[in-house]
């Protein structure tokens, strides 16, 4: 069986397999068949999308597949990924579907699927869908015309999510804050600014003019230097840079310094623990988090649970362990008391609430940890050959580990969504980081092209 789902749903170049109208139609039929097989008589689906031009194609095709299978569909238009997760629960739907390639360029698109509880699907559920698409007759000839589903445009989806997001901070006023908000010309371009405005903040907005092609283009979480520059120019208190589907966020402080997910997680964990809000006194992070975060957590008596890279693995560990806070250095932050997935807007609201409650600037909060020098490099590869089968690369990894010992680390992994290999080296000394990133990069070029 050919693997269809990656670490974050189905993703690839739009209008080419697997992100094609043909596959989307089959996916809609497969989901309809799966829901009927699991006893959902009159099944209902929520479909949202970001601002990519190809979203229209995928939305129409998936809707056709679901409706032809007898499922009703609620179309919510351009909304953040976490809004789809929330609306799936709120509307008591049986499945949520988000059409997005997150932080990727406009030429890509993808499909994320959520369970009725608003969580991303388990591997076994994705495998079942893949099997249905690839090995099953998806004909819907047995569905009579009076049994077809209906498609509804949910006009108040935007307002529903705005109210939900504000409720996560009890509609606490944020008046006095001046915010620069970069929506990456993506899914939050419309509702994002309203949420902060309605809570009283002064909002300078950018990245709010999508044209179907400019999502993530020199803006948003992939280019936080843009929001950092605007913060200084406008004398703002905080910069908030979302990615294309607004499930992740990178911050800038009032000095224009970029504040990544590790520092935000550390600051939130310390604040929550002090107020008795950190479940099990535990923070969940991935193996990519800086070693300096681990040092800071030890100093404050906070346990750290480590998962594989990917917010779905963080969320899975949080669900199993009953933990309330977790996330990734890349800006996927999960406040599990409020959300079932990474949510850039809710994360920003939580950070601003802590700033207000503690009377501290973001810079002061972020100063809670000292980072080890770290470099992350992403290199394009022709094929994802198992790392242990690339002799020169394995030799470089072993030499790096021997040199760094306990004073650093090396992580080599393939991207789950792109044809890239990621190299991370972290050490107490900058010179060692540079030395081994160069050596590993050369080994990749020689071994993987």
Protein backbone atom coordinates (compact mmCIF):
# COMPACT_ATOMS: atom_id res chain seq x y z
CA UNK A 1 0.00 0.00 0.00
CA UNK A 2 1.46 3.35 -1.08
CA UNK A 3 1.84 5.82 1.82
CA UNK A 4 -0.49 8.77 1.36
CA UNK A 5 -0.30 10.65 4.66
CA UNK A 6 2.82 12.37 5.97
CA UNK A 7 3.46 13.75 9.45
CA UNK A 8 0.83 16.45 8.94
CA UNK A 9 -1.80 15.01 6.62
CA UNK A 10 -1.55 14.81 2.84
CA UNK A 11 0.70 17.42 1.26
CA UNK A 12 2.38 18.16 -2.04
CA UNK A 13 2.34 20.31 -5.15
CA UNK A 14 -1.19 21.42 -5.97
CA UNK A 15 -2.88 19.82 -8.99
CA UNK A 16 -0.45 16.89 -8.93
CA UNK A 17 -0.93 13.58 -7.15
CA UNK A 18 -1.67 13.33 -4.28
CA UNK A 19 -2.97 16.90 -4.06
CA UNK A 20 -5.24 16.64 -7.08
CA UNK A 21 -8.96 17.00 -7.72
CA UNK A 22 -9.13 13.28 -8.55
CA UNK A 23 -7.58 12.25 -5.25
CA UNK A 24 -9.69 14.76 -3.32
CA UNK A 25 -12.88 13.32 -4.83
CA UNK A 26 -11.78 9.81 -3.84
CA UNK A 27 -10.88 11.04 -0.37
CA UNK A 28 -14.35 12.50 0.07
CA UNK A 29 -15.93 9.21 -0.99
CA UNK A 30 -13.56 7.21 1.23
CA UNK A 31 -14.38 9.36 4.25
CA UNK A 32 -18.09 8.96 3.51
CA UNK A 33 -17.72 5.19 3.25
CA UNK A 34 -15.61 5.07 6.44
CA UNK A 35 -18.12 7.11 8.42
CA UNK A 36 -21.02 4.93 7.28
CA UNK A 37 -19.05 1.77 8.14
CA UNK A 38 -18.45 3.13 11.65
CA UNK A 39 -22.16 3.67 12.22
CA UNK A 40 -22.54 7.37 11.45
CA UNK A 41 -25.90 7.29 9.70
CA UNK A 42 -26.30 10.91 8.63
CA UNK A 43 -22.64 11.92 8.79
CA UNK A 44 -21.53 15.57 8.82
CA UNK A 45 -18.24 17.14 7.83
CA UNK A 46 -16.69 20.59 8.34
CA UNK A 47 -14.39 21.86 5.56
CA UNK A 48 -12.16 24.91 5.96
CA UNK A 49 -9.27 26.20 3.90
CA UNK A 50 -6.50 28.77 3.82
CA UNK A 51 -6.11 31.36 1.05
CA UNK A 52 -4.34 29.33 -1.65
CA UNK A 53 -5.85 29.49 -5.12
CA UNK A 54 -5.88 25.68 -5.27
CA UNK A 55 -8.19 25.56 -2.24
CA UNK A 56 -11.22 26.11 -4.47
CA UNK A 57 -10.36 23.01 -6.50
CA UNK A 58 -9.86 20.77 -3.47
CA UNK A 59 -12.89 22.13 -1.59
CA UNK A 60 -15.23 21.41 -4.50
CA UNK A 61 -13.85 17.92 -5.12
CA UNK A 62 -13.95 16.74 -1.50
CA UNK A 63 -17.41 18.21 -1.05
CA UNK A 64 -18.63 16.31 -4.12
CA UNK A 65 -17.21 13.05 -2.78
CA UNK A 66 -18.81 13.49 0.63
CA UNK A 67 -22.20 14.63 -0.68
CA UNK A 68 -22.32 11.75 -3.19
CA UNK A 69 -21.80 9.41 -0.23
CA UNK A 70 -24.77 10.84 1.62
CA UNK A 71 -22.82 13.14 3.97
CA UNK A 72 -23.74 16.73 4.80
CA UNK A 73 -20.97 19.32 4.54
CA UNK A 74 -20.50 22.63 6.35
CA UNK A 75 -18.26 24.94 4.31
CA UNK A 76 -16.61 27.55 6.54
CA UNK A 77 -14.29 29.21 4.01
CA UNK A 78 -10.86 30.65 4.89
CA UNK A 79 -10.30 30.05 8.61
CA UNK A 80 -7.30 28.96 10.71
CA UNK A 81 -6.65 25.24 11.11
CA UNK A 82 -7.47 25.37 14.85
CA UNK A 83 -10.82 26.98 13.97
CA UNK A 84 -11.71 23.87 11.94
CA UNK A 85 -10.74 21.67 14.91
CA UNK A 86 -12.92 23.80 17.21
CA UNK A 87 -15.88 23.96 14.82
CA UNK A 88 -15.79 20.20 14.32
CA UNK A 89 -16.41 19.79 18.05
CA UNK A 90 -18.81 22.74 18.32
CA UNK A 91 -21.02 21.51 15.47
CA UNK A 92 -20.91 17.88 16.66
CA UNK A 93 -19.54 16.96 13.23
CA UNK A 94 -18.08 13.55 12.48
CA UNK A 95 -14.98 14.77 10.69
CA UNK A 96 -13.13 18.06 10.15
CA UNK A 97 -11.09 18.78 7.02
CA UNK A 98 -8.62 21.65 6.58
CA UNK A 99 -7.17 22.41 3.14
CA UNK A 100 -3.73 23.88 3.73
CA UNK A 101 -0.01 23.37 3.33
CA UNK A 102 0.64 25.43 6.44
CA UNK A 103 3.97 27.29 6.09
CA UNK A 104 4.75 25.99 2.56
CA UNK A 105 4.66 28.28 -0.51
CA UNK A 106 1.38 28.80 -2.41
CA UNK A 107 2.29 26.19 -5.05
CA UNK A 108 1.77 23.45 -2.45
CA UNK A 109 -1.44 22.47 -0.73
CA UNK A 110 -2.58 19.73 1.57
CA UNK A 111 -5.37 18.09 3.51
CA UNK A 112 -5.49 17.78 7.30
CA UNK A 113 -8.22 15.63 8.84
CA UNK A 114 -9.61 15.92 12.37
CA UNK A 115 -11.62 13.49 14.47
CA UNK A 116 -14.99 14.43 16.03
CA UNK A 117 -13.06 15.53 19.14
CA UNK A 118 -10.91 17.94 17.11
CA UNK A 119 -7.69 15.90 17.18
CA UNK A 120 -5.61 14.86 14.20
CA UNK A 121 -6.22 11.27 13.15
CA UNK A 122 -4.25 8.34 14.51
CA UNK A 123 -1.91 6.47 12.15
CA UNK A 124 -4.31 3.51 12.01
CA UNK A 125 -7.18 5.77 10.93
CA UNK A 126 -5.05 7.32 8.20
CA UNK A 127 -4.03 3.84 7.03
CA UNK A 128 -7.68 2.81 6.82
CA UNK A 129 -8.48 5.85 4.66
CA UNK A 130 -5.49 5.11 2.44
CA UNK A 131 -6.62 1.50 2.01
CA UNK A 132 -10.12 2.61 1.06
CA UNK A 133 -8.77 5.03 -1.55
CA UNK A 134 -6.27 2.62 -3.08
CA UNK A 135 -7.91 -0.78 -2.72
CA UNK A 136 -11.69 -0.28 -2.57
CA UNK A 137 -14.45 0.31 -5.07
CA UNK A 138 -15.61 3.80 -4.15
CA UNK A 139 -18.68 3.77 -6.36
CA UNK A 140 -21.68 5.51 -4.77
CA UNK A 141 -24.24 4.06 -7.19
CA UNK A 142 -26.09 2.62 -4.19
CA UNK A 143 -26.89 6.13 -2.89
CA UNK A 144 -30.27 7.21 -4.27
CA UNK A 145 -30.78 10.85 -5.30
CA UNK A 146 -32.96 11.46 -2.27
CA UNK A 147 -30.18 10.13 -0.03
CA UNK A 148 -27.52 12.55 -1.23
CA UNK A 149 -25.99 14.91 1.30
CA UNK A 150 -26.28 18.66 1.30
CA UNK A 151 -23.62 21.38 1.38
CA UNK A 152 -24.17 24.42 3.59
CA UNK A 153 -22.16 27.65 3.72
CA UNK A 154 -21.72 28.44 7.43
CA UNK A 155 -21.78 32.24 7.37
CA UNK A 156 -21.12 32.76 11.09
CA UNK A 157 -18.06 30.49 11.34
CA UNK A 158 -15.78 33.51 11.67
CA UNK A 159 -17.78 34.94 14.58
CA UNK A 160 -17.99 31.59 16.34
CA UNK A 161 -14.22 31.21 16.40
CA UNK A 162 -13.61 34.84 17.39
CA UNK A 163 -15.81 34.40 20.46
CA UNK A 164 -14.18 31.09 21.32
CA UNK A 165 -10.66 32.51 21.07
CA UNK A 166 -11.53 35.47 23.31
CA UNK A 167 -13.12 33.14 25.86
CA UNK A 168 -9.79 31.35 26.39
CA UNK A 169 -8.60 34.45 28.27
CA UNK A 170 -12.04 35.09 29.77
CA UNK A 171 -12.46 38.11 27.48
CA UNK A 172 -9.85 39.89 29.60
CA UNK A 173 -9.09 43.38 28.32
CA UNK A 174 -5.81 43.91 26.50
CA UNK A 175 -6.18 47.67 26.27
CA UNK A 176 -2.83 49.42 26.50
CA UNK A 177 -1.11 46.86 24.29
CA UNK A 178 0.13 47.90 20.88
CA UNK A 179 0.41 44.81 18.68
CA UNK A 180 1.93 44.19 15.27
CA UNK A 181 0.11 41.21 13.74
CA UNK A 182 1.41 39.49 10.61
CA UNK A 183 -1.18 37.06 9.21
CA UNK A 184 1.08 35.75 6.40
CA UNK A 185 -1.62 36.55 3.81
CA UNK A 186 -3.15 33.35 5.08
CA UNK A 187 -6.12 31.87 6.88
CA UNK A 188 -6.23 34.39 9.75
CA UNK A 189 -6.07 37.50 7.54
CA UNK A 190 -9.65 38.52 8.35
CA UNK A 191 -10.50 37.28 11.83
CA UNK A 192 -7.03 37.57 13.41
CA UNK A 193 -6.95 41.38 13.73
CA UNK A 194 -10.55 41.48 15.00
CA UNK A 195 -9.80 39.21 17.95
CA UNK A 196 -7.09 41.47 19.34
CA UNK A 197 -9.04 44.64 18.52
CA UNK A 198 -12.18 43.39 20.26
CA UNK A 199 -10.13 42.80 23.43
CA UNK A 200 -8.95 46.40 23.31
CA UNK A 201 -5.46 46.16 21.82
CA UNK A 202 -4.20 48.61 19.22
CA UNK A 203 -3.40 46.51 16.15
CA UNK A 204 -1.00 47.28 13.33
CA UNK A 205 -1.75 44.60 10.76
CA UNK A 206 0.29 43.26 7.87
CA UNK A 207 0.06 40.20 5.65
CA UNK A 208 -3.71 40.67 5.36
CA UNK A 209 -4.11 41.04 1.59
CA UNK A 210 -4.22 37.49 0.17
CA UNK A 211 -4.44 37.05 -3.58
CA UNK A 212 -4.24 33.26 -3.71
CA UNK A 213 -0.54 33.33 -4.54
CA UNK A 214 1.17 35.37 -1.80
CA UNK A 215 0.56 33.18 1.26
CA UNK A 216 3.77 32.94 3.35
CA UNK A 217 5.61 35.03 0.73
CA UNK A 218 8.21 37.11 2.61
CA UNK A 219 5.87 37.41 5.58
CA UNK A 220 4.51 35.55 8.58
CA UNK A 221 6.19 33.01 10.84
CA UNK A 222 8.64 32.00 8.10
CA UNK A 223 9.95 35.58 7.96
CA UNK A 224 9.64 36.94 11.52
CA UNK A 225 12.20 39.62 10.75
CA UNK A 226 9.35 41.50 9.02
CA UNK A 227 7.22 41.76 12.15
CA UNK A 228 10.31 42.44 14.28
CA UNK A 229 11.17 45.46 12.11
CA UNK A 230 7.60 46.79 12.28
CA UNK A 231 7.53 46.45 16.07
CA UNK A 232 10.49 48.81 16.37
CA UNK A 233 9.11 51.23 13.79
CA UNK A 234 5.73 51.51 15.55
CA UNK A 235 6.97 51.30 19.13
CA UNK A 236 4.79 48.26 19.71
CA UNK A 237 4.82 46.00 22.76
CA UNK A 238 4.78 42.71 20.88
CA UNK A 239 4.97 41.30 17.37
CA UNK A 240 2.92 38.24 16.41
CA UNK A 241 3.82 36.37 13.21
CA UNK A 242 1.41 33.59 12.21
CA UNK A 243 1.98 31.04 9.46
CA UNK A 244 -0.34 30.35 6.53
CA UNK A 245 -2.93 28.37 8.50
CA UNK A 246 -2.30 30.14 11.84
CA UNK A 247 -1.53 26.98 13.81
CA UNK A 248 1.91 28.28 14.74
CA UNK A 249 3.36 31.60 15.85
CA UNK A 250 6.71 33.32 16.28
CA UNK A 251 6.98 36.46 18.41
CA UNK A 252 9.09 39.60 18.46
CA UNK A 253 9.65 41.64 21.63
CA UNK A 254 9.54 45.43 21.91
CA UNK A 255 13.26 45.62 21.08
CA UNK A 256 12.70 43.83 17.76
CA UNK A 257 14.29 40.60 18.99
CA UNK A 258 12.72 37.39 17.67
CA UNK A 259 11.34 35.08 20.37
CA UNK A 260 10.88 31.47 19.28
CA UNK A 261 8.71 28.69 20.63
CA UNK A 262 11.25 27.39 23.15
CA UNK A 263 11.45 30.68 25.04
CA UNK A 264 7.68 31.13 24.97
CA UNK A 265 7.09 27.61 26.26
CA UNK A 266 9.65 28.09 29.03
CA UNK A 267 8.12 31.39 30.12
CA UNK A 268 4.58 29.98 30.07
CA UNK A 269 5.58 26.83 31.94
CA UNK A 270 7.25 28.86 34.71
CA UNK A 271 4.26 31.21 35.00
CA UNK A 272 1.71 28.39 34.97
CA UNK A 273 3.60 26.38 37.59
CA UNK A 274 3.75 29.39 39.90
CA UNK A 275 -0.05 29.72 39.65
CA UNK A 276 -0.75 25.99 39.94
CA UNK A 277 -1.91 25.75 36.32
CA UNK A 278 0.78 23.45 34.91
CA UNK A 279 -0.71 19.95 34.97
CA UNK A 280 1.66 17.40 36.51
CA UNK A 281 4.34 20.15 36.60
CA UNK A 282 5.31 18.85 33.16
CA UNK A 283 6.15 20.46 29.83
CA UNK A 284 6.03 18.38 26.63
CA UNK A 285 8.49 19.28 23.84
CA UNK A 286 10.14 17.58 20.87
CA UNK A 287 13.72 16.45 20.46
CA UNK A 288 14.44 19.69 18.56
CA UNK A 289 13.99 21.93 21.60
CA UNK A 290 17.11 23.72 22.82
CA UNK A 291 19.05 22.16 25.68
CA UNK A 292 18.89 25.53 27.42
CA UNK A 293 15.13 25.03 27.84
CA UNK A 294 15.81 21.77 29.67
CA UNK A 295 18.29 23.54 31.98
CA UNK A 296 15.71 26.24 32.78
CA UNK A 297 12.99 23.70 33.52
CA UNK A 298 15.28 21.80 35.93
CA UNK A 299 15.96 25.05 37.79
CA UNK A 300 12.21 25.58 38.31
CA UNK A 301 11.36 21.99 39.22
CA UNK A 302 9.48 21.33 35.99
CA UNK A 303 9.66 17.93 34.34
CA UNK A 304 10.17 17.72 30.58
CA UNK A 305 8.73 14.97 28.41
CA UNK A 306 10.35 14.59 24.98
CA UNK A 307 8.60 13.35 21.83
CA UNK A 308 9.46 12.89 18.17
CA UNK A 309 9.29 15.96 15.95
CA UNK A 310 5.74 16.97 14.97
CA UNK A 311 2.95 18.63 16.90
CA UNK A 312 0.78 15.52 16.55
CA UNK A 313 3.29 13.58 18.69
CA UNK A 314 3.34 16.36 21.28
CA UNK A 315 -0.45 16.38 21.46
CA UNK A 316 -0.57 12.58 21.69
CA UNK A 317 1.82 12.62 24.67
CA UNK A 318 -0.21 15.41 26.30
CA UNK A 319 -3.44 13.46 25.92
CA UNK A 320 -1.95 10.25 27.28
CA UNK A 321 -0.20 11.95 30.20
CA UNK A 322 -2.89 14.48 31.05
CA UNK A 323 -0.51 17.40 30.46
CA UNK A 324 -1.64 20.96 29.76
CA UNK A 325 1.28 22.65 27.98
CA UNK A 326 3.55 21.58 25.15
CA UNK A 327 4.87 22.48 21.76
CA UNK A 328 7.74 22.97 19.38
CA UNK A 329 10.54 25.46 18.91
CA UNK A 330 9.05 26.18 15.47
CA UNK A 331 6.04 27.85 17.08
CA UNK A 332 3.46 25.07 17.36
CA UNK A 333 2.26 25.79 20.92
CA UNK A 334 -0.50 23.71 22.48
CA UNK A 335 -2.48 25.03 25.41
CA UNK A 336 -4.43 21.84 25.93
CA UNK A 337 -6.92 23.33 28.39
CA UNK A 338 -8.21 25.39 25.48
CA UNK A 339 -7.26 23.76 22.18
CA UNK A 340 -6.75 20.33 20.62
CA UNK A 341 -4.07 21.49 18.21
CA UNK A 342 -1.48 24.22 17.81
CA UNK A 343 -3.18 27.64 17.72
CA UNK A 344 -1.15 30.75 16.99
CA UNK A 345 -3.87 33.19 18.02
CA UNK A 346 -4.72 31.49 21.31
CA UNK A 347 -0.99 31.18 22.05
CA UNK A 348 -0.53 34.92 21.53
CA UNK A 349 -3.49 35.69 23.79
CA UNK A 350 -2.05 33.49 26.54
CA UNK A 351 1.36 35.20 26.29
CA UNK A 352 -0.19 38.68 26.42
CA UNK A 353 -2.28 37.68 29.40
CA UNK A 354 0.86 36.58 31.26
CA UNK A 355 2.58 39.86 30.32
CA UNK A 356 -0.37 41.77 31.79
CA UNK A 357 -0.73 39.64 34.94
CA UNK A 358 2.97 39.72 35.78
CA UNK A 359 3.62 43.26 34.60
CA UNK A 360 6.54 42.11 32.47
CA UNK A 361 7.62 42.76 28.92
CA UNK A 362 8.01 39.87 26.52
CA UNK A 363 11.77 40.41 26.66
CA UNK A 364 11.72 39.96 30.44
CA UNK A 365 9.63 36.80 30.19
CA UNK A 366 11.85 35.35 27.43
CA UNK A 367 14.96 35.94 29.54
CA UNK A 368 14.07 32.87 31.61
CA UNK A 369 16.48 30.61 29.70
CA UNK A 370 19.93 30.73 28.16
CA UNK A 371 20.10 29.10 24.76
CA UNK A 372 22.90 26.84 23.63
CA UNK A 373 24.27 27.97 20.26
CA UNK A 374 22.32 26.01 17.67
CA UNK A 375 22.13 25.84 13.90
CA UNK A 376 19.40 24.13 11.88
CA UNK A 377 19.97 23.60 8.17
CA UNK A 378 17.45 22.23 5.65
CA UNK A 379 18.90 20.73 2.48
CA UNK A 380 17.02 19.49 -0.58
CA UNK A 381 17.61 15.83 -1.43
CA UNK A 382 16.79 13.73 -4.48
CA UNK A 383 15.68 10.77 -2.38
CA UNK A 384 15.07 10.03 1.28
CA UNK A 385 17.49 7.16 1.64
CA UNK A 386 17.63 5.84 5.24
CA UNK A 387 20.31 7.82 7.06
CA UNK A 388 22.09 4.67 8.28
CA UNK A 389 22.54 3.65 4.64
CA UNK A 390 24.55 6.77 3.78
CA UNK A 391 28.09 5.81 4.96
CA UNK A 392 29.69 9.24 4.83
CA UNK A 393 26.81 10.87 6.66
CA UNK A 394 26.73 8.23 9.39
CA UNK A 395 30.48 8.61 9.89
CA UNK A 396 30.09 12.38 10.28
CA UNK A 397 27.24 11.93 12.77
CA UNK A 398 29.27 9.52 14.90
CA UNK A 399 32.31 11.83 14.85
CA UNK A 400 30.13 14.78 15.88
CA UNK A 401 28.57 12.84 18.76
CA UNK A 402 32.00 11.75 19.98
CA UNK A 403 33.30 15.32 19.87
CA UNK A 404 30.31 16.94 21.62
CA UNK A 405 29.64 14.21 24.21
CA UNK A 406 27.29 15.59 26.91
CA UNK A 407 27.95 19.23 25.97
CA UNK A 408 25.79 19.19 22.86
CA UNK A 409 23.92 17.05 20.38
CA UNK A 410 23.28 16.36 16.72
CA UNK A 411 19.92 15.51 15.12
CA UNK A 412 19.55 14.41 11.50
CA UNK A 413 16.06 13.76 10.16
CA UNK A 414 14.05 14.01 6.98
CA UNK A 415 11.19 16.47 6.68
CA UNK A 416 7.81 14.76 6.86
CA UNK A 417 6.28 17.13 4.31
CA UNK A 418 9.10 18.13 1.93
CA UNK A 419 12.01 16.50 0.04
CA UNK A 420 14.50 17.86 2.54
CA UNK A 421 16.85 16.61 5.21
CA UNK A 422 17.26 18.66 8.36
CA UNK A 423 20.56 18.93 10.22
CA UNK A 424 20.68 20.32 13.74
CA UNK A 425 23.83 20.80 15.77
CA UNK A 426 23.80 22.30 19.25
CA UNK A 427 26.74 22.87 21.59
CA UNK A 428 27.97 25.18 24.32
CA UNK A 429 30.56 26.61 21.92
CA UNK A 430 29.59 28.34 18.66
CA UNK A 431 32.77 27.17 16.93
CA UNK A 432 31.80 23.52 17.43
CA UNK A 433 28.35 24.14 15.95
CA UNK A 434 29.84 25.73 12.83
CA UNK A 435 32.46 23.00 12.47
CA UNK A 436 30.00 20.13 12.54
CA UNK A 437 27.20 21.77 10.52
CA UNK A 438 29.76 22.28 7.75
CA UNK A 439 30.95 18.67 8.00
CA UNK A 440 27.41 17.24 7.97
CA UNK A 441 26.35 19.47 5.08
CA UNK A 442 29.28 18.25 3.02
CA UNK A 443 28.43 14.63 3.87
CA UNK A 444 24.83 15.16 2.69
CA UNK A 445 25.96 16.72 -0.59
CA UNK A 446 28.34 13.82 -1.21
CA UNK A 447 25.98 11.05 -0.11
CA UNK A 448 22.54 12.28 -1.15
CA UNK A 449 23.23 14.75 -3.93
